Amino acid sequence: MMTISTYKCITWILALKESMKEFTFPIELISIIIKIYLDIIAPILIYYRIATCTHCRIIDNIWDTEIIPICKDILPQIKSYVWSKRNFSTTFEDNSNIINLSRYCKWTPMILLIPRPLWNNALSNPDIQTIEGVQIFNGKIENNQILYDPLYNPRLSYDYGVWLKKALTNEEFIKTQCSI
C-alpha cells in the first residue's frame, strides 16, 4: 500500500534514476535507497502466542511456511514479529516489553497489523495508549474495546491473505499509516 508521499518519493527517485543514466552515479544505489525507504514505512505484523495454547500450535505450524509467504506476496516489505508467553499468567518474552502494545492482546492466537507510525510512536513512548488504525485478525475495535469477530478460519493460510488485503484498505489503517 503506497501513500501519496511514498508515491511522490518513488516517482522522484525514478525520475532521478532516469536522468542519472548519463552520469557515473551508481543506479544500484538508487534501488537500495528505494528498498530502504519502503522498509522504513512498512507496517508491522504481530503474532501473539502462548506456548501452551493448542490453537497457537496450529498457527505455529503454518506461520513461517504459509502465512508469512502469503503476506509477503501481498506486501513484500511487511515486517513480522512473534511475541510469546510461556503460559497465560506470564508476560510476553522477547522485545515485547519495549513496545507495550501487548496490552491489546485479548486472546491467543492473535494477529495484529500495526501501522508503522503507531509502531514508531510506541518505540519512543512505551506507554502509548492509542490503537487507531490497528487491524486484528478475527477481531475489531469498537468504542476503544477489542472484540472477537470470527470472520476467517485461522487454520486456512489463504484466509490470512484475504484478511491482510482487507486490512490494508481499511480507512482507519490508511489514515494512520499515511501519517508518516
C-alpha atoms as a PDB file:
ATOM      1  CA  MET A   1       0.000   0.000   0.000  1.00  0.00           C
ATOM      2  CA  MET A   2       1.643   3.227  -1.111  1.00  0.00           C
ATOM      3  CA  THR A   3       0.832   6.536   0.467  1.00  0.00           C
ATOM      4  CA  ILE A   4       0.733   9.713  -1.584  1.00  0.00           C
ATOM      5  CA  SER A   5       4.037  10.821  -0.102  1.00  0.00           C
ATOM      6  CA  THR A   6       5.518   7.391  -0.855  1.00  0.00           C
ATOM      7  CA  TYR A   7       4.304   7.633  -4.433  1.00  0.00           C
ATOM      8  CA  LYS A   8       5.805  11.114  -4.837  1.00  0.00           C
ATOM      9  CA  CYS A   9       9.096   9.949  -3.355  1.00  0.00           C
ATOM     10  CA  ILE A  10       9.307   6.907  -5.634  1.00  0.00           C
ATOM     11  CA  THR A  11       8.331   8.976  -8.674  1.00  0.00           C
ATOM     12  CA  TRP A  12      11.031  11.492  -7.820  1.00  0.00           C
ATOM     13  CA  ILE A  13      13.635   8.767  -7.290  1.00  0.00           C
ATOM     14  CA  LEU A  14      12.722   7.037 -10.553  1.00  0.00           C
ATOM     15  CA  ALA A  15      12.938  10.358 -12.412  1.00  0.00           C
ATOM     16  CA  LEU A  16      16.307  10.963 -10.787  1.00  0.00           C
ATOM     17  CA  LYS A  17      17.401   7.459 -11.767  1.00  0.00           C
ATOM     18  CA  GLU A  18      16.403   8.101 -15.401  1.00  0.00           C
ATOM     19  CA  SER A  19      18.192  11.449 -15.521  1.00  0.00           C
ATOM     20  CA  MET A  20      21.308   9.971 -13.911  1.00  0.00           C
ATOM     21  CA  LYS A  21      21.809   7.300 -16.588  1.00  0.00           C
ATOM     22  CA  GLU A  22      24.251   9.534 -18.429  1.00  0.00           C
ATOM     23  CA  PHE A  23      26.297  10.097 -15.262  1.00  0.00           C
ATOM     24  CA  THR A  24      28.513   7.641 -13.427  1.00  0.00           C
ATOM     25  CA  PHE A  25      26.249   7.698 -10.369  1.00  0.00           C
ATOM     26  CA  PRO A  26      25.571   4.072  -9.435  1.00  0.00           C
ATOM     27  CA  ILE A  27      21.986   3.216 -10.367  1.00  0.00           C
ATOM     28  CA  GLU A  28      22.091   0.307  -7.907  1.00  0.00           C
ATOM     29  CA  LEU A  29      22.400   2.862  -5.101  1.00  0.00           C
ATOM     30  CA  ILE A  30      19.044   4.362  -6.038  1.00  0.00           C
ATOM     31  CA  SER A  31      17.451   0.908  -5.946  1.00  0.00           C
ATOM     32  CA  ILE A  32      18.924   0.401  -2.476  1.00  0.00           C
ATOM     33  CA  ILE A  33      17.564   3.780  -1.345  1.00  0.00           C
ATOM     34  CA  ILE A  34      14.069   2.849  -2.601  1.00  0.00           C
ATOM     35  CA  LYS A  35      14.224  -0.507  -0.797  1.00  0.00           C
ATOM     36  CA  ILE A  36      15.385   1.106   2.456  1.00  0.00           C
ATOM     37  CA  TYR A  37      12.645   3.733   2.258  1.00  0.00           C
ATOM     38  CA  LEU A  38       9.953   1.111   1.658  1.00  0.00           C
ATOM     39  CA  ASP A  39      11.330  -0.957   4.551  1.00  0.00           C
ATOM     40  CA  ILE A  40      11.147   2.067   6.853  1.00  0.00           C
ATOM     41  CA  ILE A  41       7.462   2.713   6.155  1.00  0.00           C
ATOM     42  CA  ALA A  42       6.266  -0.924   6.103  1.00  0.00           C
ATOM     43  CA  PRO A  43       3.507  -1.868   8.548  1.00  0.00           C
ATOM     44  CA  ILE A  44       4.165  -4.422  11.278  1.00  0.00           C
ATOM     45  CA  LEU A  45       2.514  -7.820  11.648  1.00  0.00           C
ATOM     46  CA  ILE A  46       2.485  -9.159  15.227  1.00  0.00           C
ATOM     47  CA  TYR A  47       1.612 -12.722  16.164  1.00  0.00           C
ATOM     48  CA  TYR A  48       0.832 -13.137  19.865  1.00  0.00           C
ATOM     49  CA  ARG A  49       1.132 -16.730  21.022  1.00  0.00           C
ATOM     50  CA  ILE A  50       1.220 -18.774  24.189  1.00  0.00           C
ATOM     51  CA  ALA A  51       3.414 -21.884  24.229  1.00  0.00           C
ATOM     52  CA  THR A  52       0.764 -23.981  25.974  1.00  0.00           C
ATOM     53  CA  CYS A  53      -2.107 -22.889  23.704  1.00  0.00           C
ATOM     54  CA  THR A  54      -3.234 -25.668  21.358  1.00  0.00           C
ATOM     55  CA  HIS A  55      -4.707 -23.143  18.909  1.00  0.00           C
ATOM     56  CA  CYS A  56      -1.349 -21.339  18.803  1.00  0.00           C
ATOM     57  CA  ARG A  57       0.412 -24.585  17.910  1.00  0.00           C
ATOM     58  CA  ILE A  58      -1.788 -24.859  14.822  1.00  0.00           C
ATOM     59  CA  ILE A  59      -0.705 -21.359  13.731  1.00  0.00           C
ATOM     60  CA  ASP A  60       2.926 -22.143  14.655  1.00  0.00           C
ATOM     61  CA  ASN A  61       2.894 -24.966  12.098  1.00  0.00           C
ATOM     62  CA  ILE A  62       1.936 -22.647   9.223  1.00  0.00           C
ATOM     63  CA  TRP A  63       3.285 -19.240  10.314  1.00  0.00           C
ATOM     64  CA  ASP A  64       6.715 -19.288   8.621  1.00  0.00           C
ATOM     65  CA  THR A  65       5.904 -21.699   5.808  1.00  0.00           C
ATOM     66  CA  GLU A  66       2.486 -20.473   4.677  1.00  0.00           C
ATOM     67  CA  ILE A  67       1.181 -17.319   6.370  1.00  0.00           C
ATOM     68  CA  ILE A  68       4.296 -15.132   6.086  1.00  0.00           C
ATOM     69  CA  PRO A  69       4.910 -16.031   2.403  1.00  0.00           C
ATOM     70  CA  ILE A  70       1.286 -15.148   1.586  1.00  0.00           C
ATOM     71  CA  CYS A  71       1.624 -11.830   3.439  1.00  0.00           C
ATOM     72  CA  LYS A  72       4.946 -11.087   1.691  1.00  0.00           C
ATOM     73  CA  ASP A  73       3.326 -11.791  -1.689  1.00  0.00           C
ATOM     74  CA  ILE A  74       0.763  -9.112  -0.872  1.00  0.00           C
ATOM     75  CA  LEU A  75       3.186  -6.651   0.733  1.00  0.00           C
ATOM     76  CA  PRO A  76       6.861  -7.663   0.333  1.00  0.00           C
ATOM     77  CA  GLN A  77       8.119  -5.060   2.821  1.00  0.00           C
ATOM     78  CA  ILE A  78       5.875  -6.163   5.696  1.00  0.00           C
ATOM     79  CA  LYS A  79       7.752  -6.815   8.927  1.00  0.00           C
ATOM     80  CA  SER A  80       6.602  -9.597  11.224  1.00  0.00           C
ATOM     81  CA  TYR A  81       7.302 -10.442  14.836  1.00  0.00           C
ATOM     82  CA  VAL A  82       6.226 -13.308  17.048  1.00  0.00           C
ATOM     83  CA  TRP A  83       5.645 -12.437  20.700  1.00  0.00           C
ATOM     84  CA  SER A  84       5.410 -15.407  23.035  1.00  0.00           C
ATOM     85  CA  LYS A  85       4.341 -16.212  26.559  1.00  0.00           C
ATOM     86  CA  ARG A  86       5.145 -19.455  28.364  1.00  0.00           C
ATOM     87  CA  ASN A  87       1.606 -19.662  29.734  1.00  0.00           C
ATOM     88  CA  PHE A  88      -1.423 -17.467  30.285  1.00  0.00           C
ATOM     89  CA  SER A  89      -0.145 -15.903  33.518  1.00  0.00           C
ATOM     90  CA  THR A  90       3.351 -14.846  32.375  1.00  0.00           C
ATOM     91  CA  THR A  91       4.351 -11.711  30.484  1.00  0.00           C
ATOM     92  CA  PHE A  92       5.414 -11.636  26.870  1.00  0.00           C
ATOM     93  CA  GLU A  93       9.039 -12.543  26.222  1.00  0.00           C
ATOM     94  CA  ASP A  94      11.498 -11.130  23.691  1.00  0.00           C
ATOM     95  CA  ASN A  95      11.312  -7.401  22.943  1.00  0.00           C
ATOM     96  CA  SER A  96       7.600  -7.010  23.548  1.00  0.00           C
ATOM     97  CA  ASN A  97       8.327  -5.017  26.710  1.00  0.00           C
ATOM     98  CA  ILE A  98       9.950  -2.314  24.579  1.00  0.00           C
ATOM     99  CA  ILE A  99       6.578  -1.687  22.977  1.00  0.00           C
ATOM    100  CA  ASN A 100       3.714  -2.014  25.379  1.00  0.00           C
ATOM    101  CA  LEU A 101       1.215  -2.987  22.705  1.00  0.00           C
ATOM    102  CA  SER A 102       0.833  -6.339  24.443  1.00  0.00           C
ATOM    103  CA  ARG A 103      -1.976  -4.757  26.469  1.00  0.00           C
ATOM    104  CA  TYR A 104      -4.101  -5.160  23.357  1.00  0.00           C
ATOM    105  CA  CYS A 105      -3.706  -8.935  23.307  1.00  0.00           C
ATOM    106  CA  LYS A 106      -7.124 -10.149  24.426  1.00  0.00           C
ATOM    107  CA  TRP A 107      -6.936 -13.755  23.183  1.00  0.00           C
ATOM    108  CA  THR A 108      -4.452 -16.095  21.579  1.00  0.00           C
ATOM    109  CA  PRO A 109      -3.513 -16.692  18.954  1.00  0.00           C
ATOM    110  CA  MET A 110      -3.911 -13.058  17.984  1.00  0.00           C
ATOM    111  CA  ILE A 111      -2.589 -11.399  14.843  1.00  0.00           C
ATOM    112  CA  LEU A 112      -2.307  -7.616  14.619  1.00  0.00           C
ATOM    113  CA  LEU A 113      -1.417  -5.362  11.706  1.00  0.00           C
ATOM    114  CA  ILE A 114       0.061  -2.185  13.159  1.00  0.00           C
ATOM    115  CA  PRO A 115       0.563   0.961  11.075  1.00  0.00           C
ATOM    116  CA  ARG A 116       4.242   1.943  11.055  1.00  0.00           C
ATOM    117  CA  PRO A 117       3.724   5.444  12.555  1.00  0.00           C
ATOM    118  CA  LEU A 118       1.934   3.881  15.542  1.00  0.00           C
ATOM    119  CA  TRP A 119       4.779   1.350  15.884  1.00  0.00           C
ATOM    120  CA  ASN A 120       7.382   4.112  15.728  1.00  0.00           C
ATOM    121  CA  ASN A 121       5.499   6.161  18.334  1.00  0.00           C
ATOM    122  CA  ALA A 122       5.285   3.113  20.580  1.00  0.00           C
ATOM    123  CA  LEU A 123       9.045   2.619  20.284  1.00  0.00           C
ATOM    124  CA  SER A 124       9.672   6.111  21.587  1.00  0.00           C
ATOM    125  CA  ASN A 125       6.818   6.068  24.112  1.00  0.00           C
ATOM    126  CA  PRO A 126       6.027   2.612  25.550  1.00  0.00           C
ATOM    127  CA  ASP A 127       3.021   3.994  27.450  1.00  0.00           C
ATOM    128  CA  ILE A 128       1.224   4.994  24.259  1.00  0.00           C
ATOM    129  CA  GLN A 129      -2.497   4.288  24.591  1.00  0.00           C
ATOM    130  CA  THR A 130      -3.715   4.667  21.025  1.00  0.00           C
ATOM    131  CA  ILE A 131      -4.908   1.757  18.938  1.00  0.00           C
ATOM    132  CA  GLU A 132      -6.093   3.818  15.974  1.00  0.00           C
ATOM    133  CA  GLY A 133      -5.619   2.020  12.705  1.00  0.00           C
ATOM    134  CA  VAL A 134      -4.619  -1.323  14.253  1.00  0.00           C
ATOM    135  CA  GLN A 135      -6.200  -4.225  12.390  1.00  0.00           C
ATOM    136  CA  ILE A 136      -6.978  -7.512  14.137  1.00  0.00           C
ATOM    137  CA  PHE A 137      -7.350 -10.912  12.518  1.00  0.00           C
ATOM    138  CA  ASN A 138     -10.814 -12.117  13.603  1.00  0.00           C
ATOM    139  CA  GLY A 139     -11.283  -9.038  15.714  1.00  0.00           C
ATOM    140  CA  LYS A 140     -12.483  -5.478  15.599  1.00  0.00           C
ATOM    141  CA  ILE A 141     -12.213  -2.335  17.659  1.00  0.00           C
ATOM    142  CA  GLU A 142     -15.440  -0.633  18.682  1.00  0.00           C
ATOM    143  CA  ASN A 143     -15.588   2.211  21.205  1.00  0.00           C
ATOM    144  CA  ASN A 144     -11.941   1.529  22.125  1.00  0.00           C
ATOM    145  CA  GLN A 145     -12.860  -2.059  23.006  1.00  0.00           C
ATOM    146  CA  ILE A 146     -11.244  -5.035  21.294  1.00  0.00           C
ATOM    147  CA  LEU A 147     -13.911  -7.545  20.335  1.00  0.00           C
ATOM    148  CA  TYR A 148     -13.641 -11.051  18.928  1.00  0.00           C
ATOM    149  CA  ASP A 149     -15.260 -11.240  15.468  1.00  0.00           C
ATOM    150  CA  PRO A 150     -14.575 -14.618  13.811  1.00  0.00           C
ATOM    151  CA  LEU A 151     -14.761 -13.840  10.092  1.00  0.00           C
ATOM    152  CA  TYR A 152     -11.823 -16.000   8.959  1.00  0.00           C
ATOM    153  CA  ASN A 153     -10.689 -19.567   9.510  1.00  0.00           C
ATOM    154  CA  PRO A 154      -7.308 -19.372  11.314  1.00  0.00           C
ATOM    155  CA  ARG A 155      -6.392 -22.848  10.074  1.00  0.00           C
ATOM    156  CA  LEU A 156      -6.517 -21.733   6.434  1.00  0.00           C
ATOM    157  CA  SER A 157      -3.450 -19.772   5.436  1.00  0.00           C
ATOM    158  CA  TYR A 158      -5.387 -18.358   2.463  1.00  0.00           C
ATOM    159  CA  ASP A 159      -7.683 -16.502   4.875  1.00  0.00           C
ATOM    160  CA  TYR A 160      -4.714 -14.529   6.226  1.00  0.00           C
ATOM    161  CA  GLY A 161      -4.138 -13.144   2.744  1.00  0.00           C
ATOM    162  CA  VAL A 162      -7.805 -12.228   2.385  1.00  0.00           C
ATOM    163  CA  TRP A 163      -7.698 -10.520   5.796  1.00  0.00           C
ATOM    164  CA  LEU A 164      -4.447  -8.665   5.031  1.00  0.00           C
ATOM    165  CA  LYS A 165      -5.800  -7.272   1.751  1.00  0.00           C
ATOM    166  CA  LYS A 166      -8.905  -6.038   3.550  1.00  0.00           C
ATOM    167  CA  ALA A 167      -6.876  -4.661   6.471  1.00  0.00           C
ATOM    168  CA  LEU A 168      -4.547  -2.704   4.164  1.00  0.00           C
ATOM    169  CA  THR A 169      -7.541  -0.955   2.615  1.00  0.00           C
ATOM    170  CA  ASN A 170      -9.261  -0.140   5.916  1.00  0.00           C
ATOM    171  CA  GLU A 171      -9.876   3.614   6.191  1.00  0.00           C
ATOM    172  CA  GLU A 172      -8.529   3.921   9.761  1.00  0.00           C
ATOM    173  CA  PHE A 173      -5.435   1.897   8.868  1.00  0.00           C
ATOM    174  CA  ILE A 174      -4.715   4.032   5.789  1.00  0.00           C
ATOM    175  CA  LYS A 175      -5.227   7.241   7.779  1.00  0.00           C
ATOM    176  CA  THR A 176      -2.733   6.158  10.459  1.00  0.00           C
ATOM    177  CA  GLN A 177      -0.287   4.565   8.012  1.00  0.00           C
ATOM    178  CA  CYS A 178      -0.266   7.725   5.878  1.00  0.00           C
ATOM    179  CA  SER A 179       0.612   9.930   8.830  1.00  0.00           C
ATOM    180  CA  ILE A 180       4.311   9.233   8.115  1.00  0.00           C
END
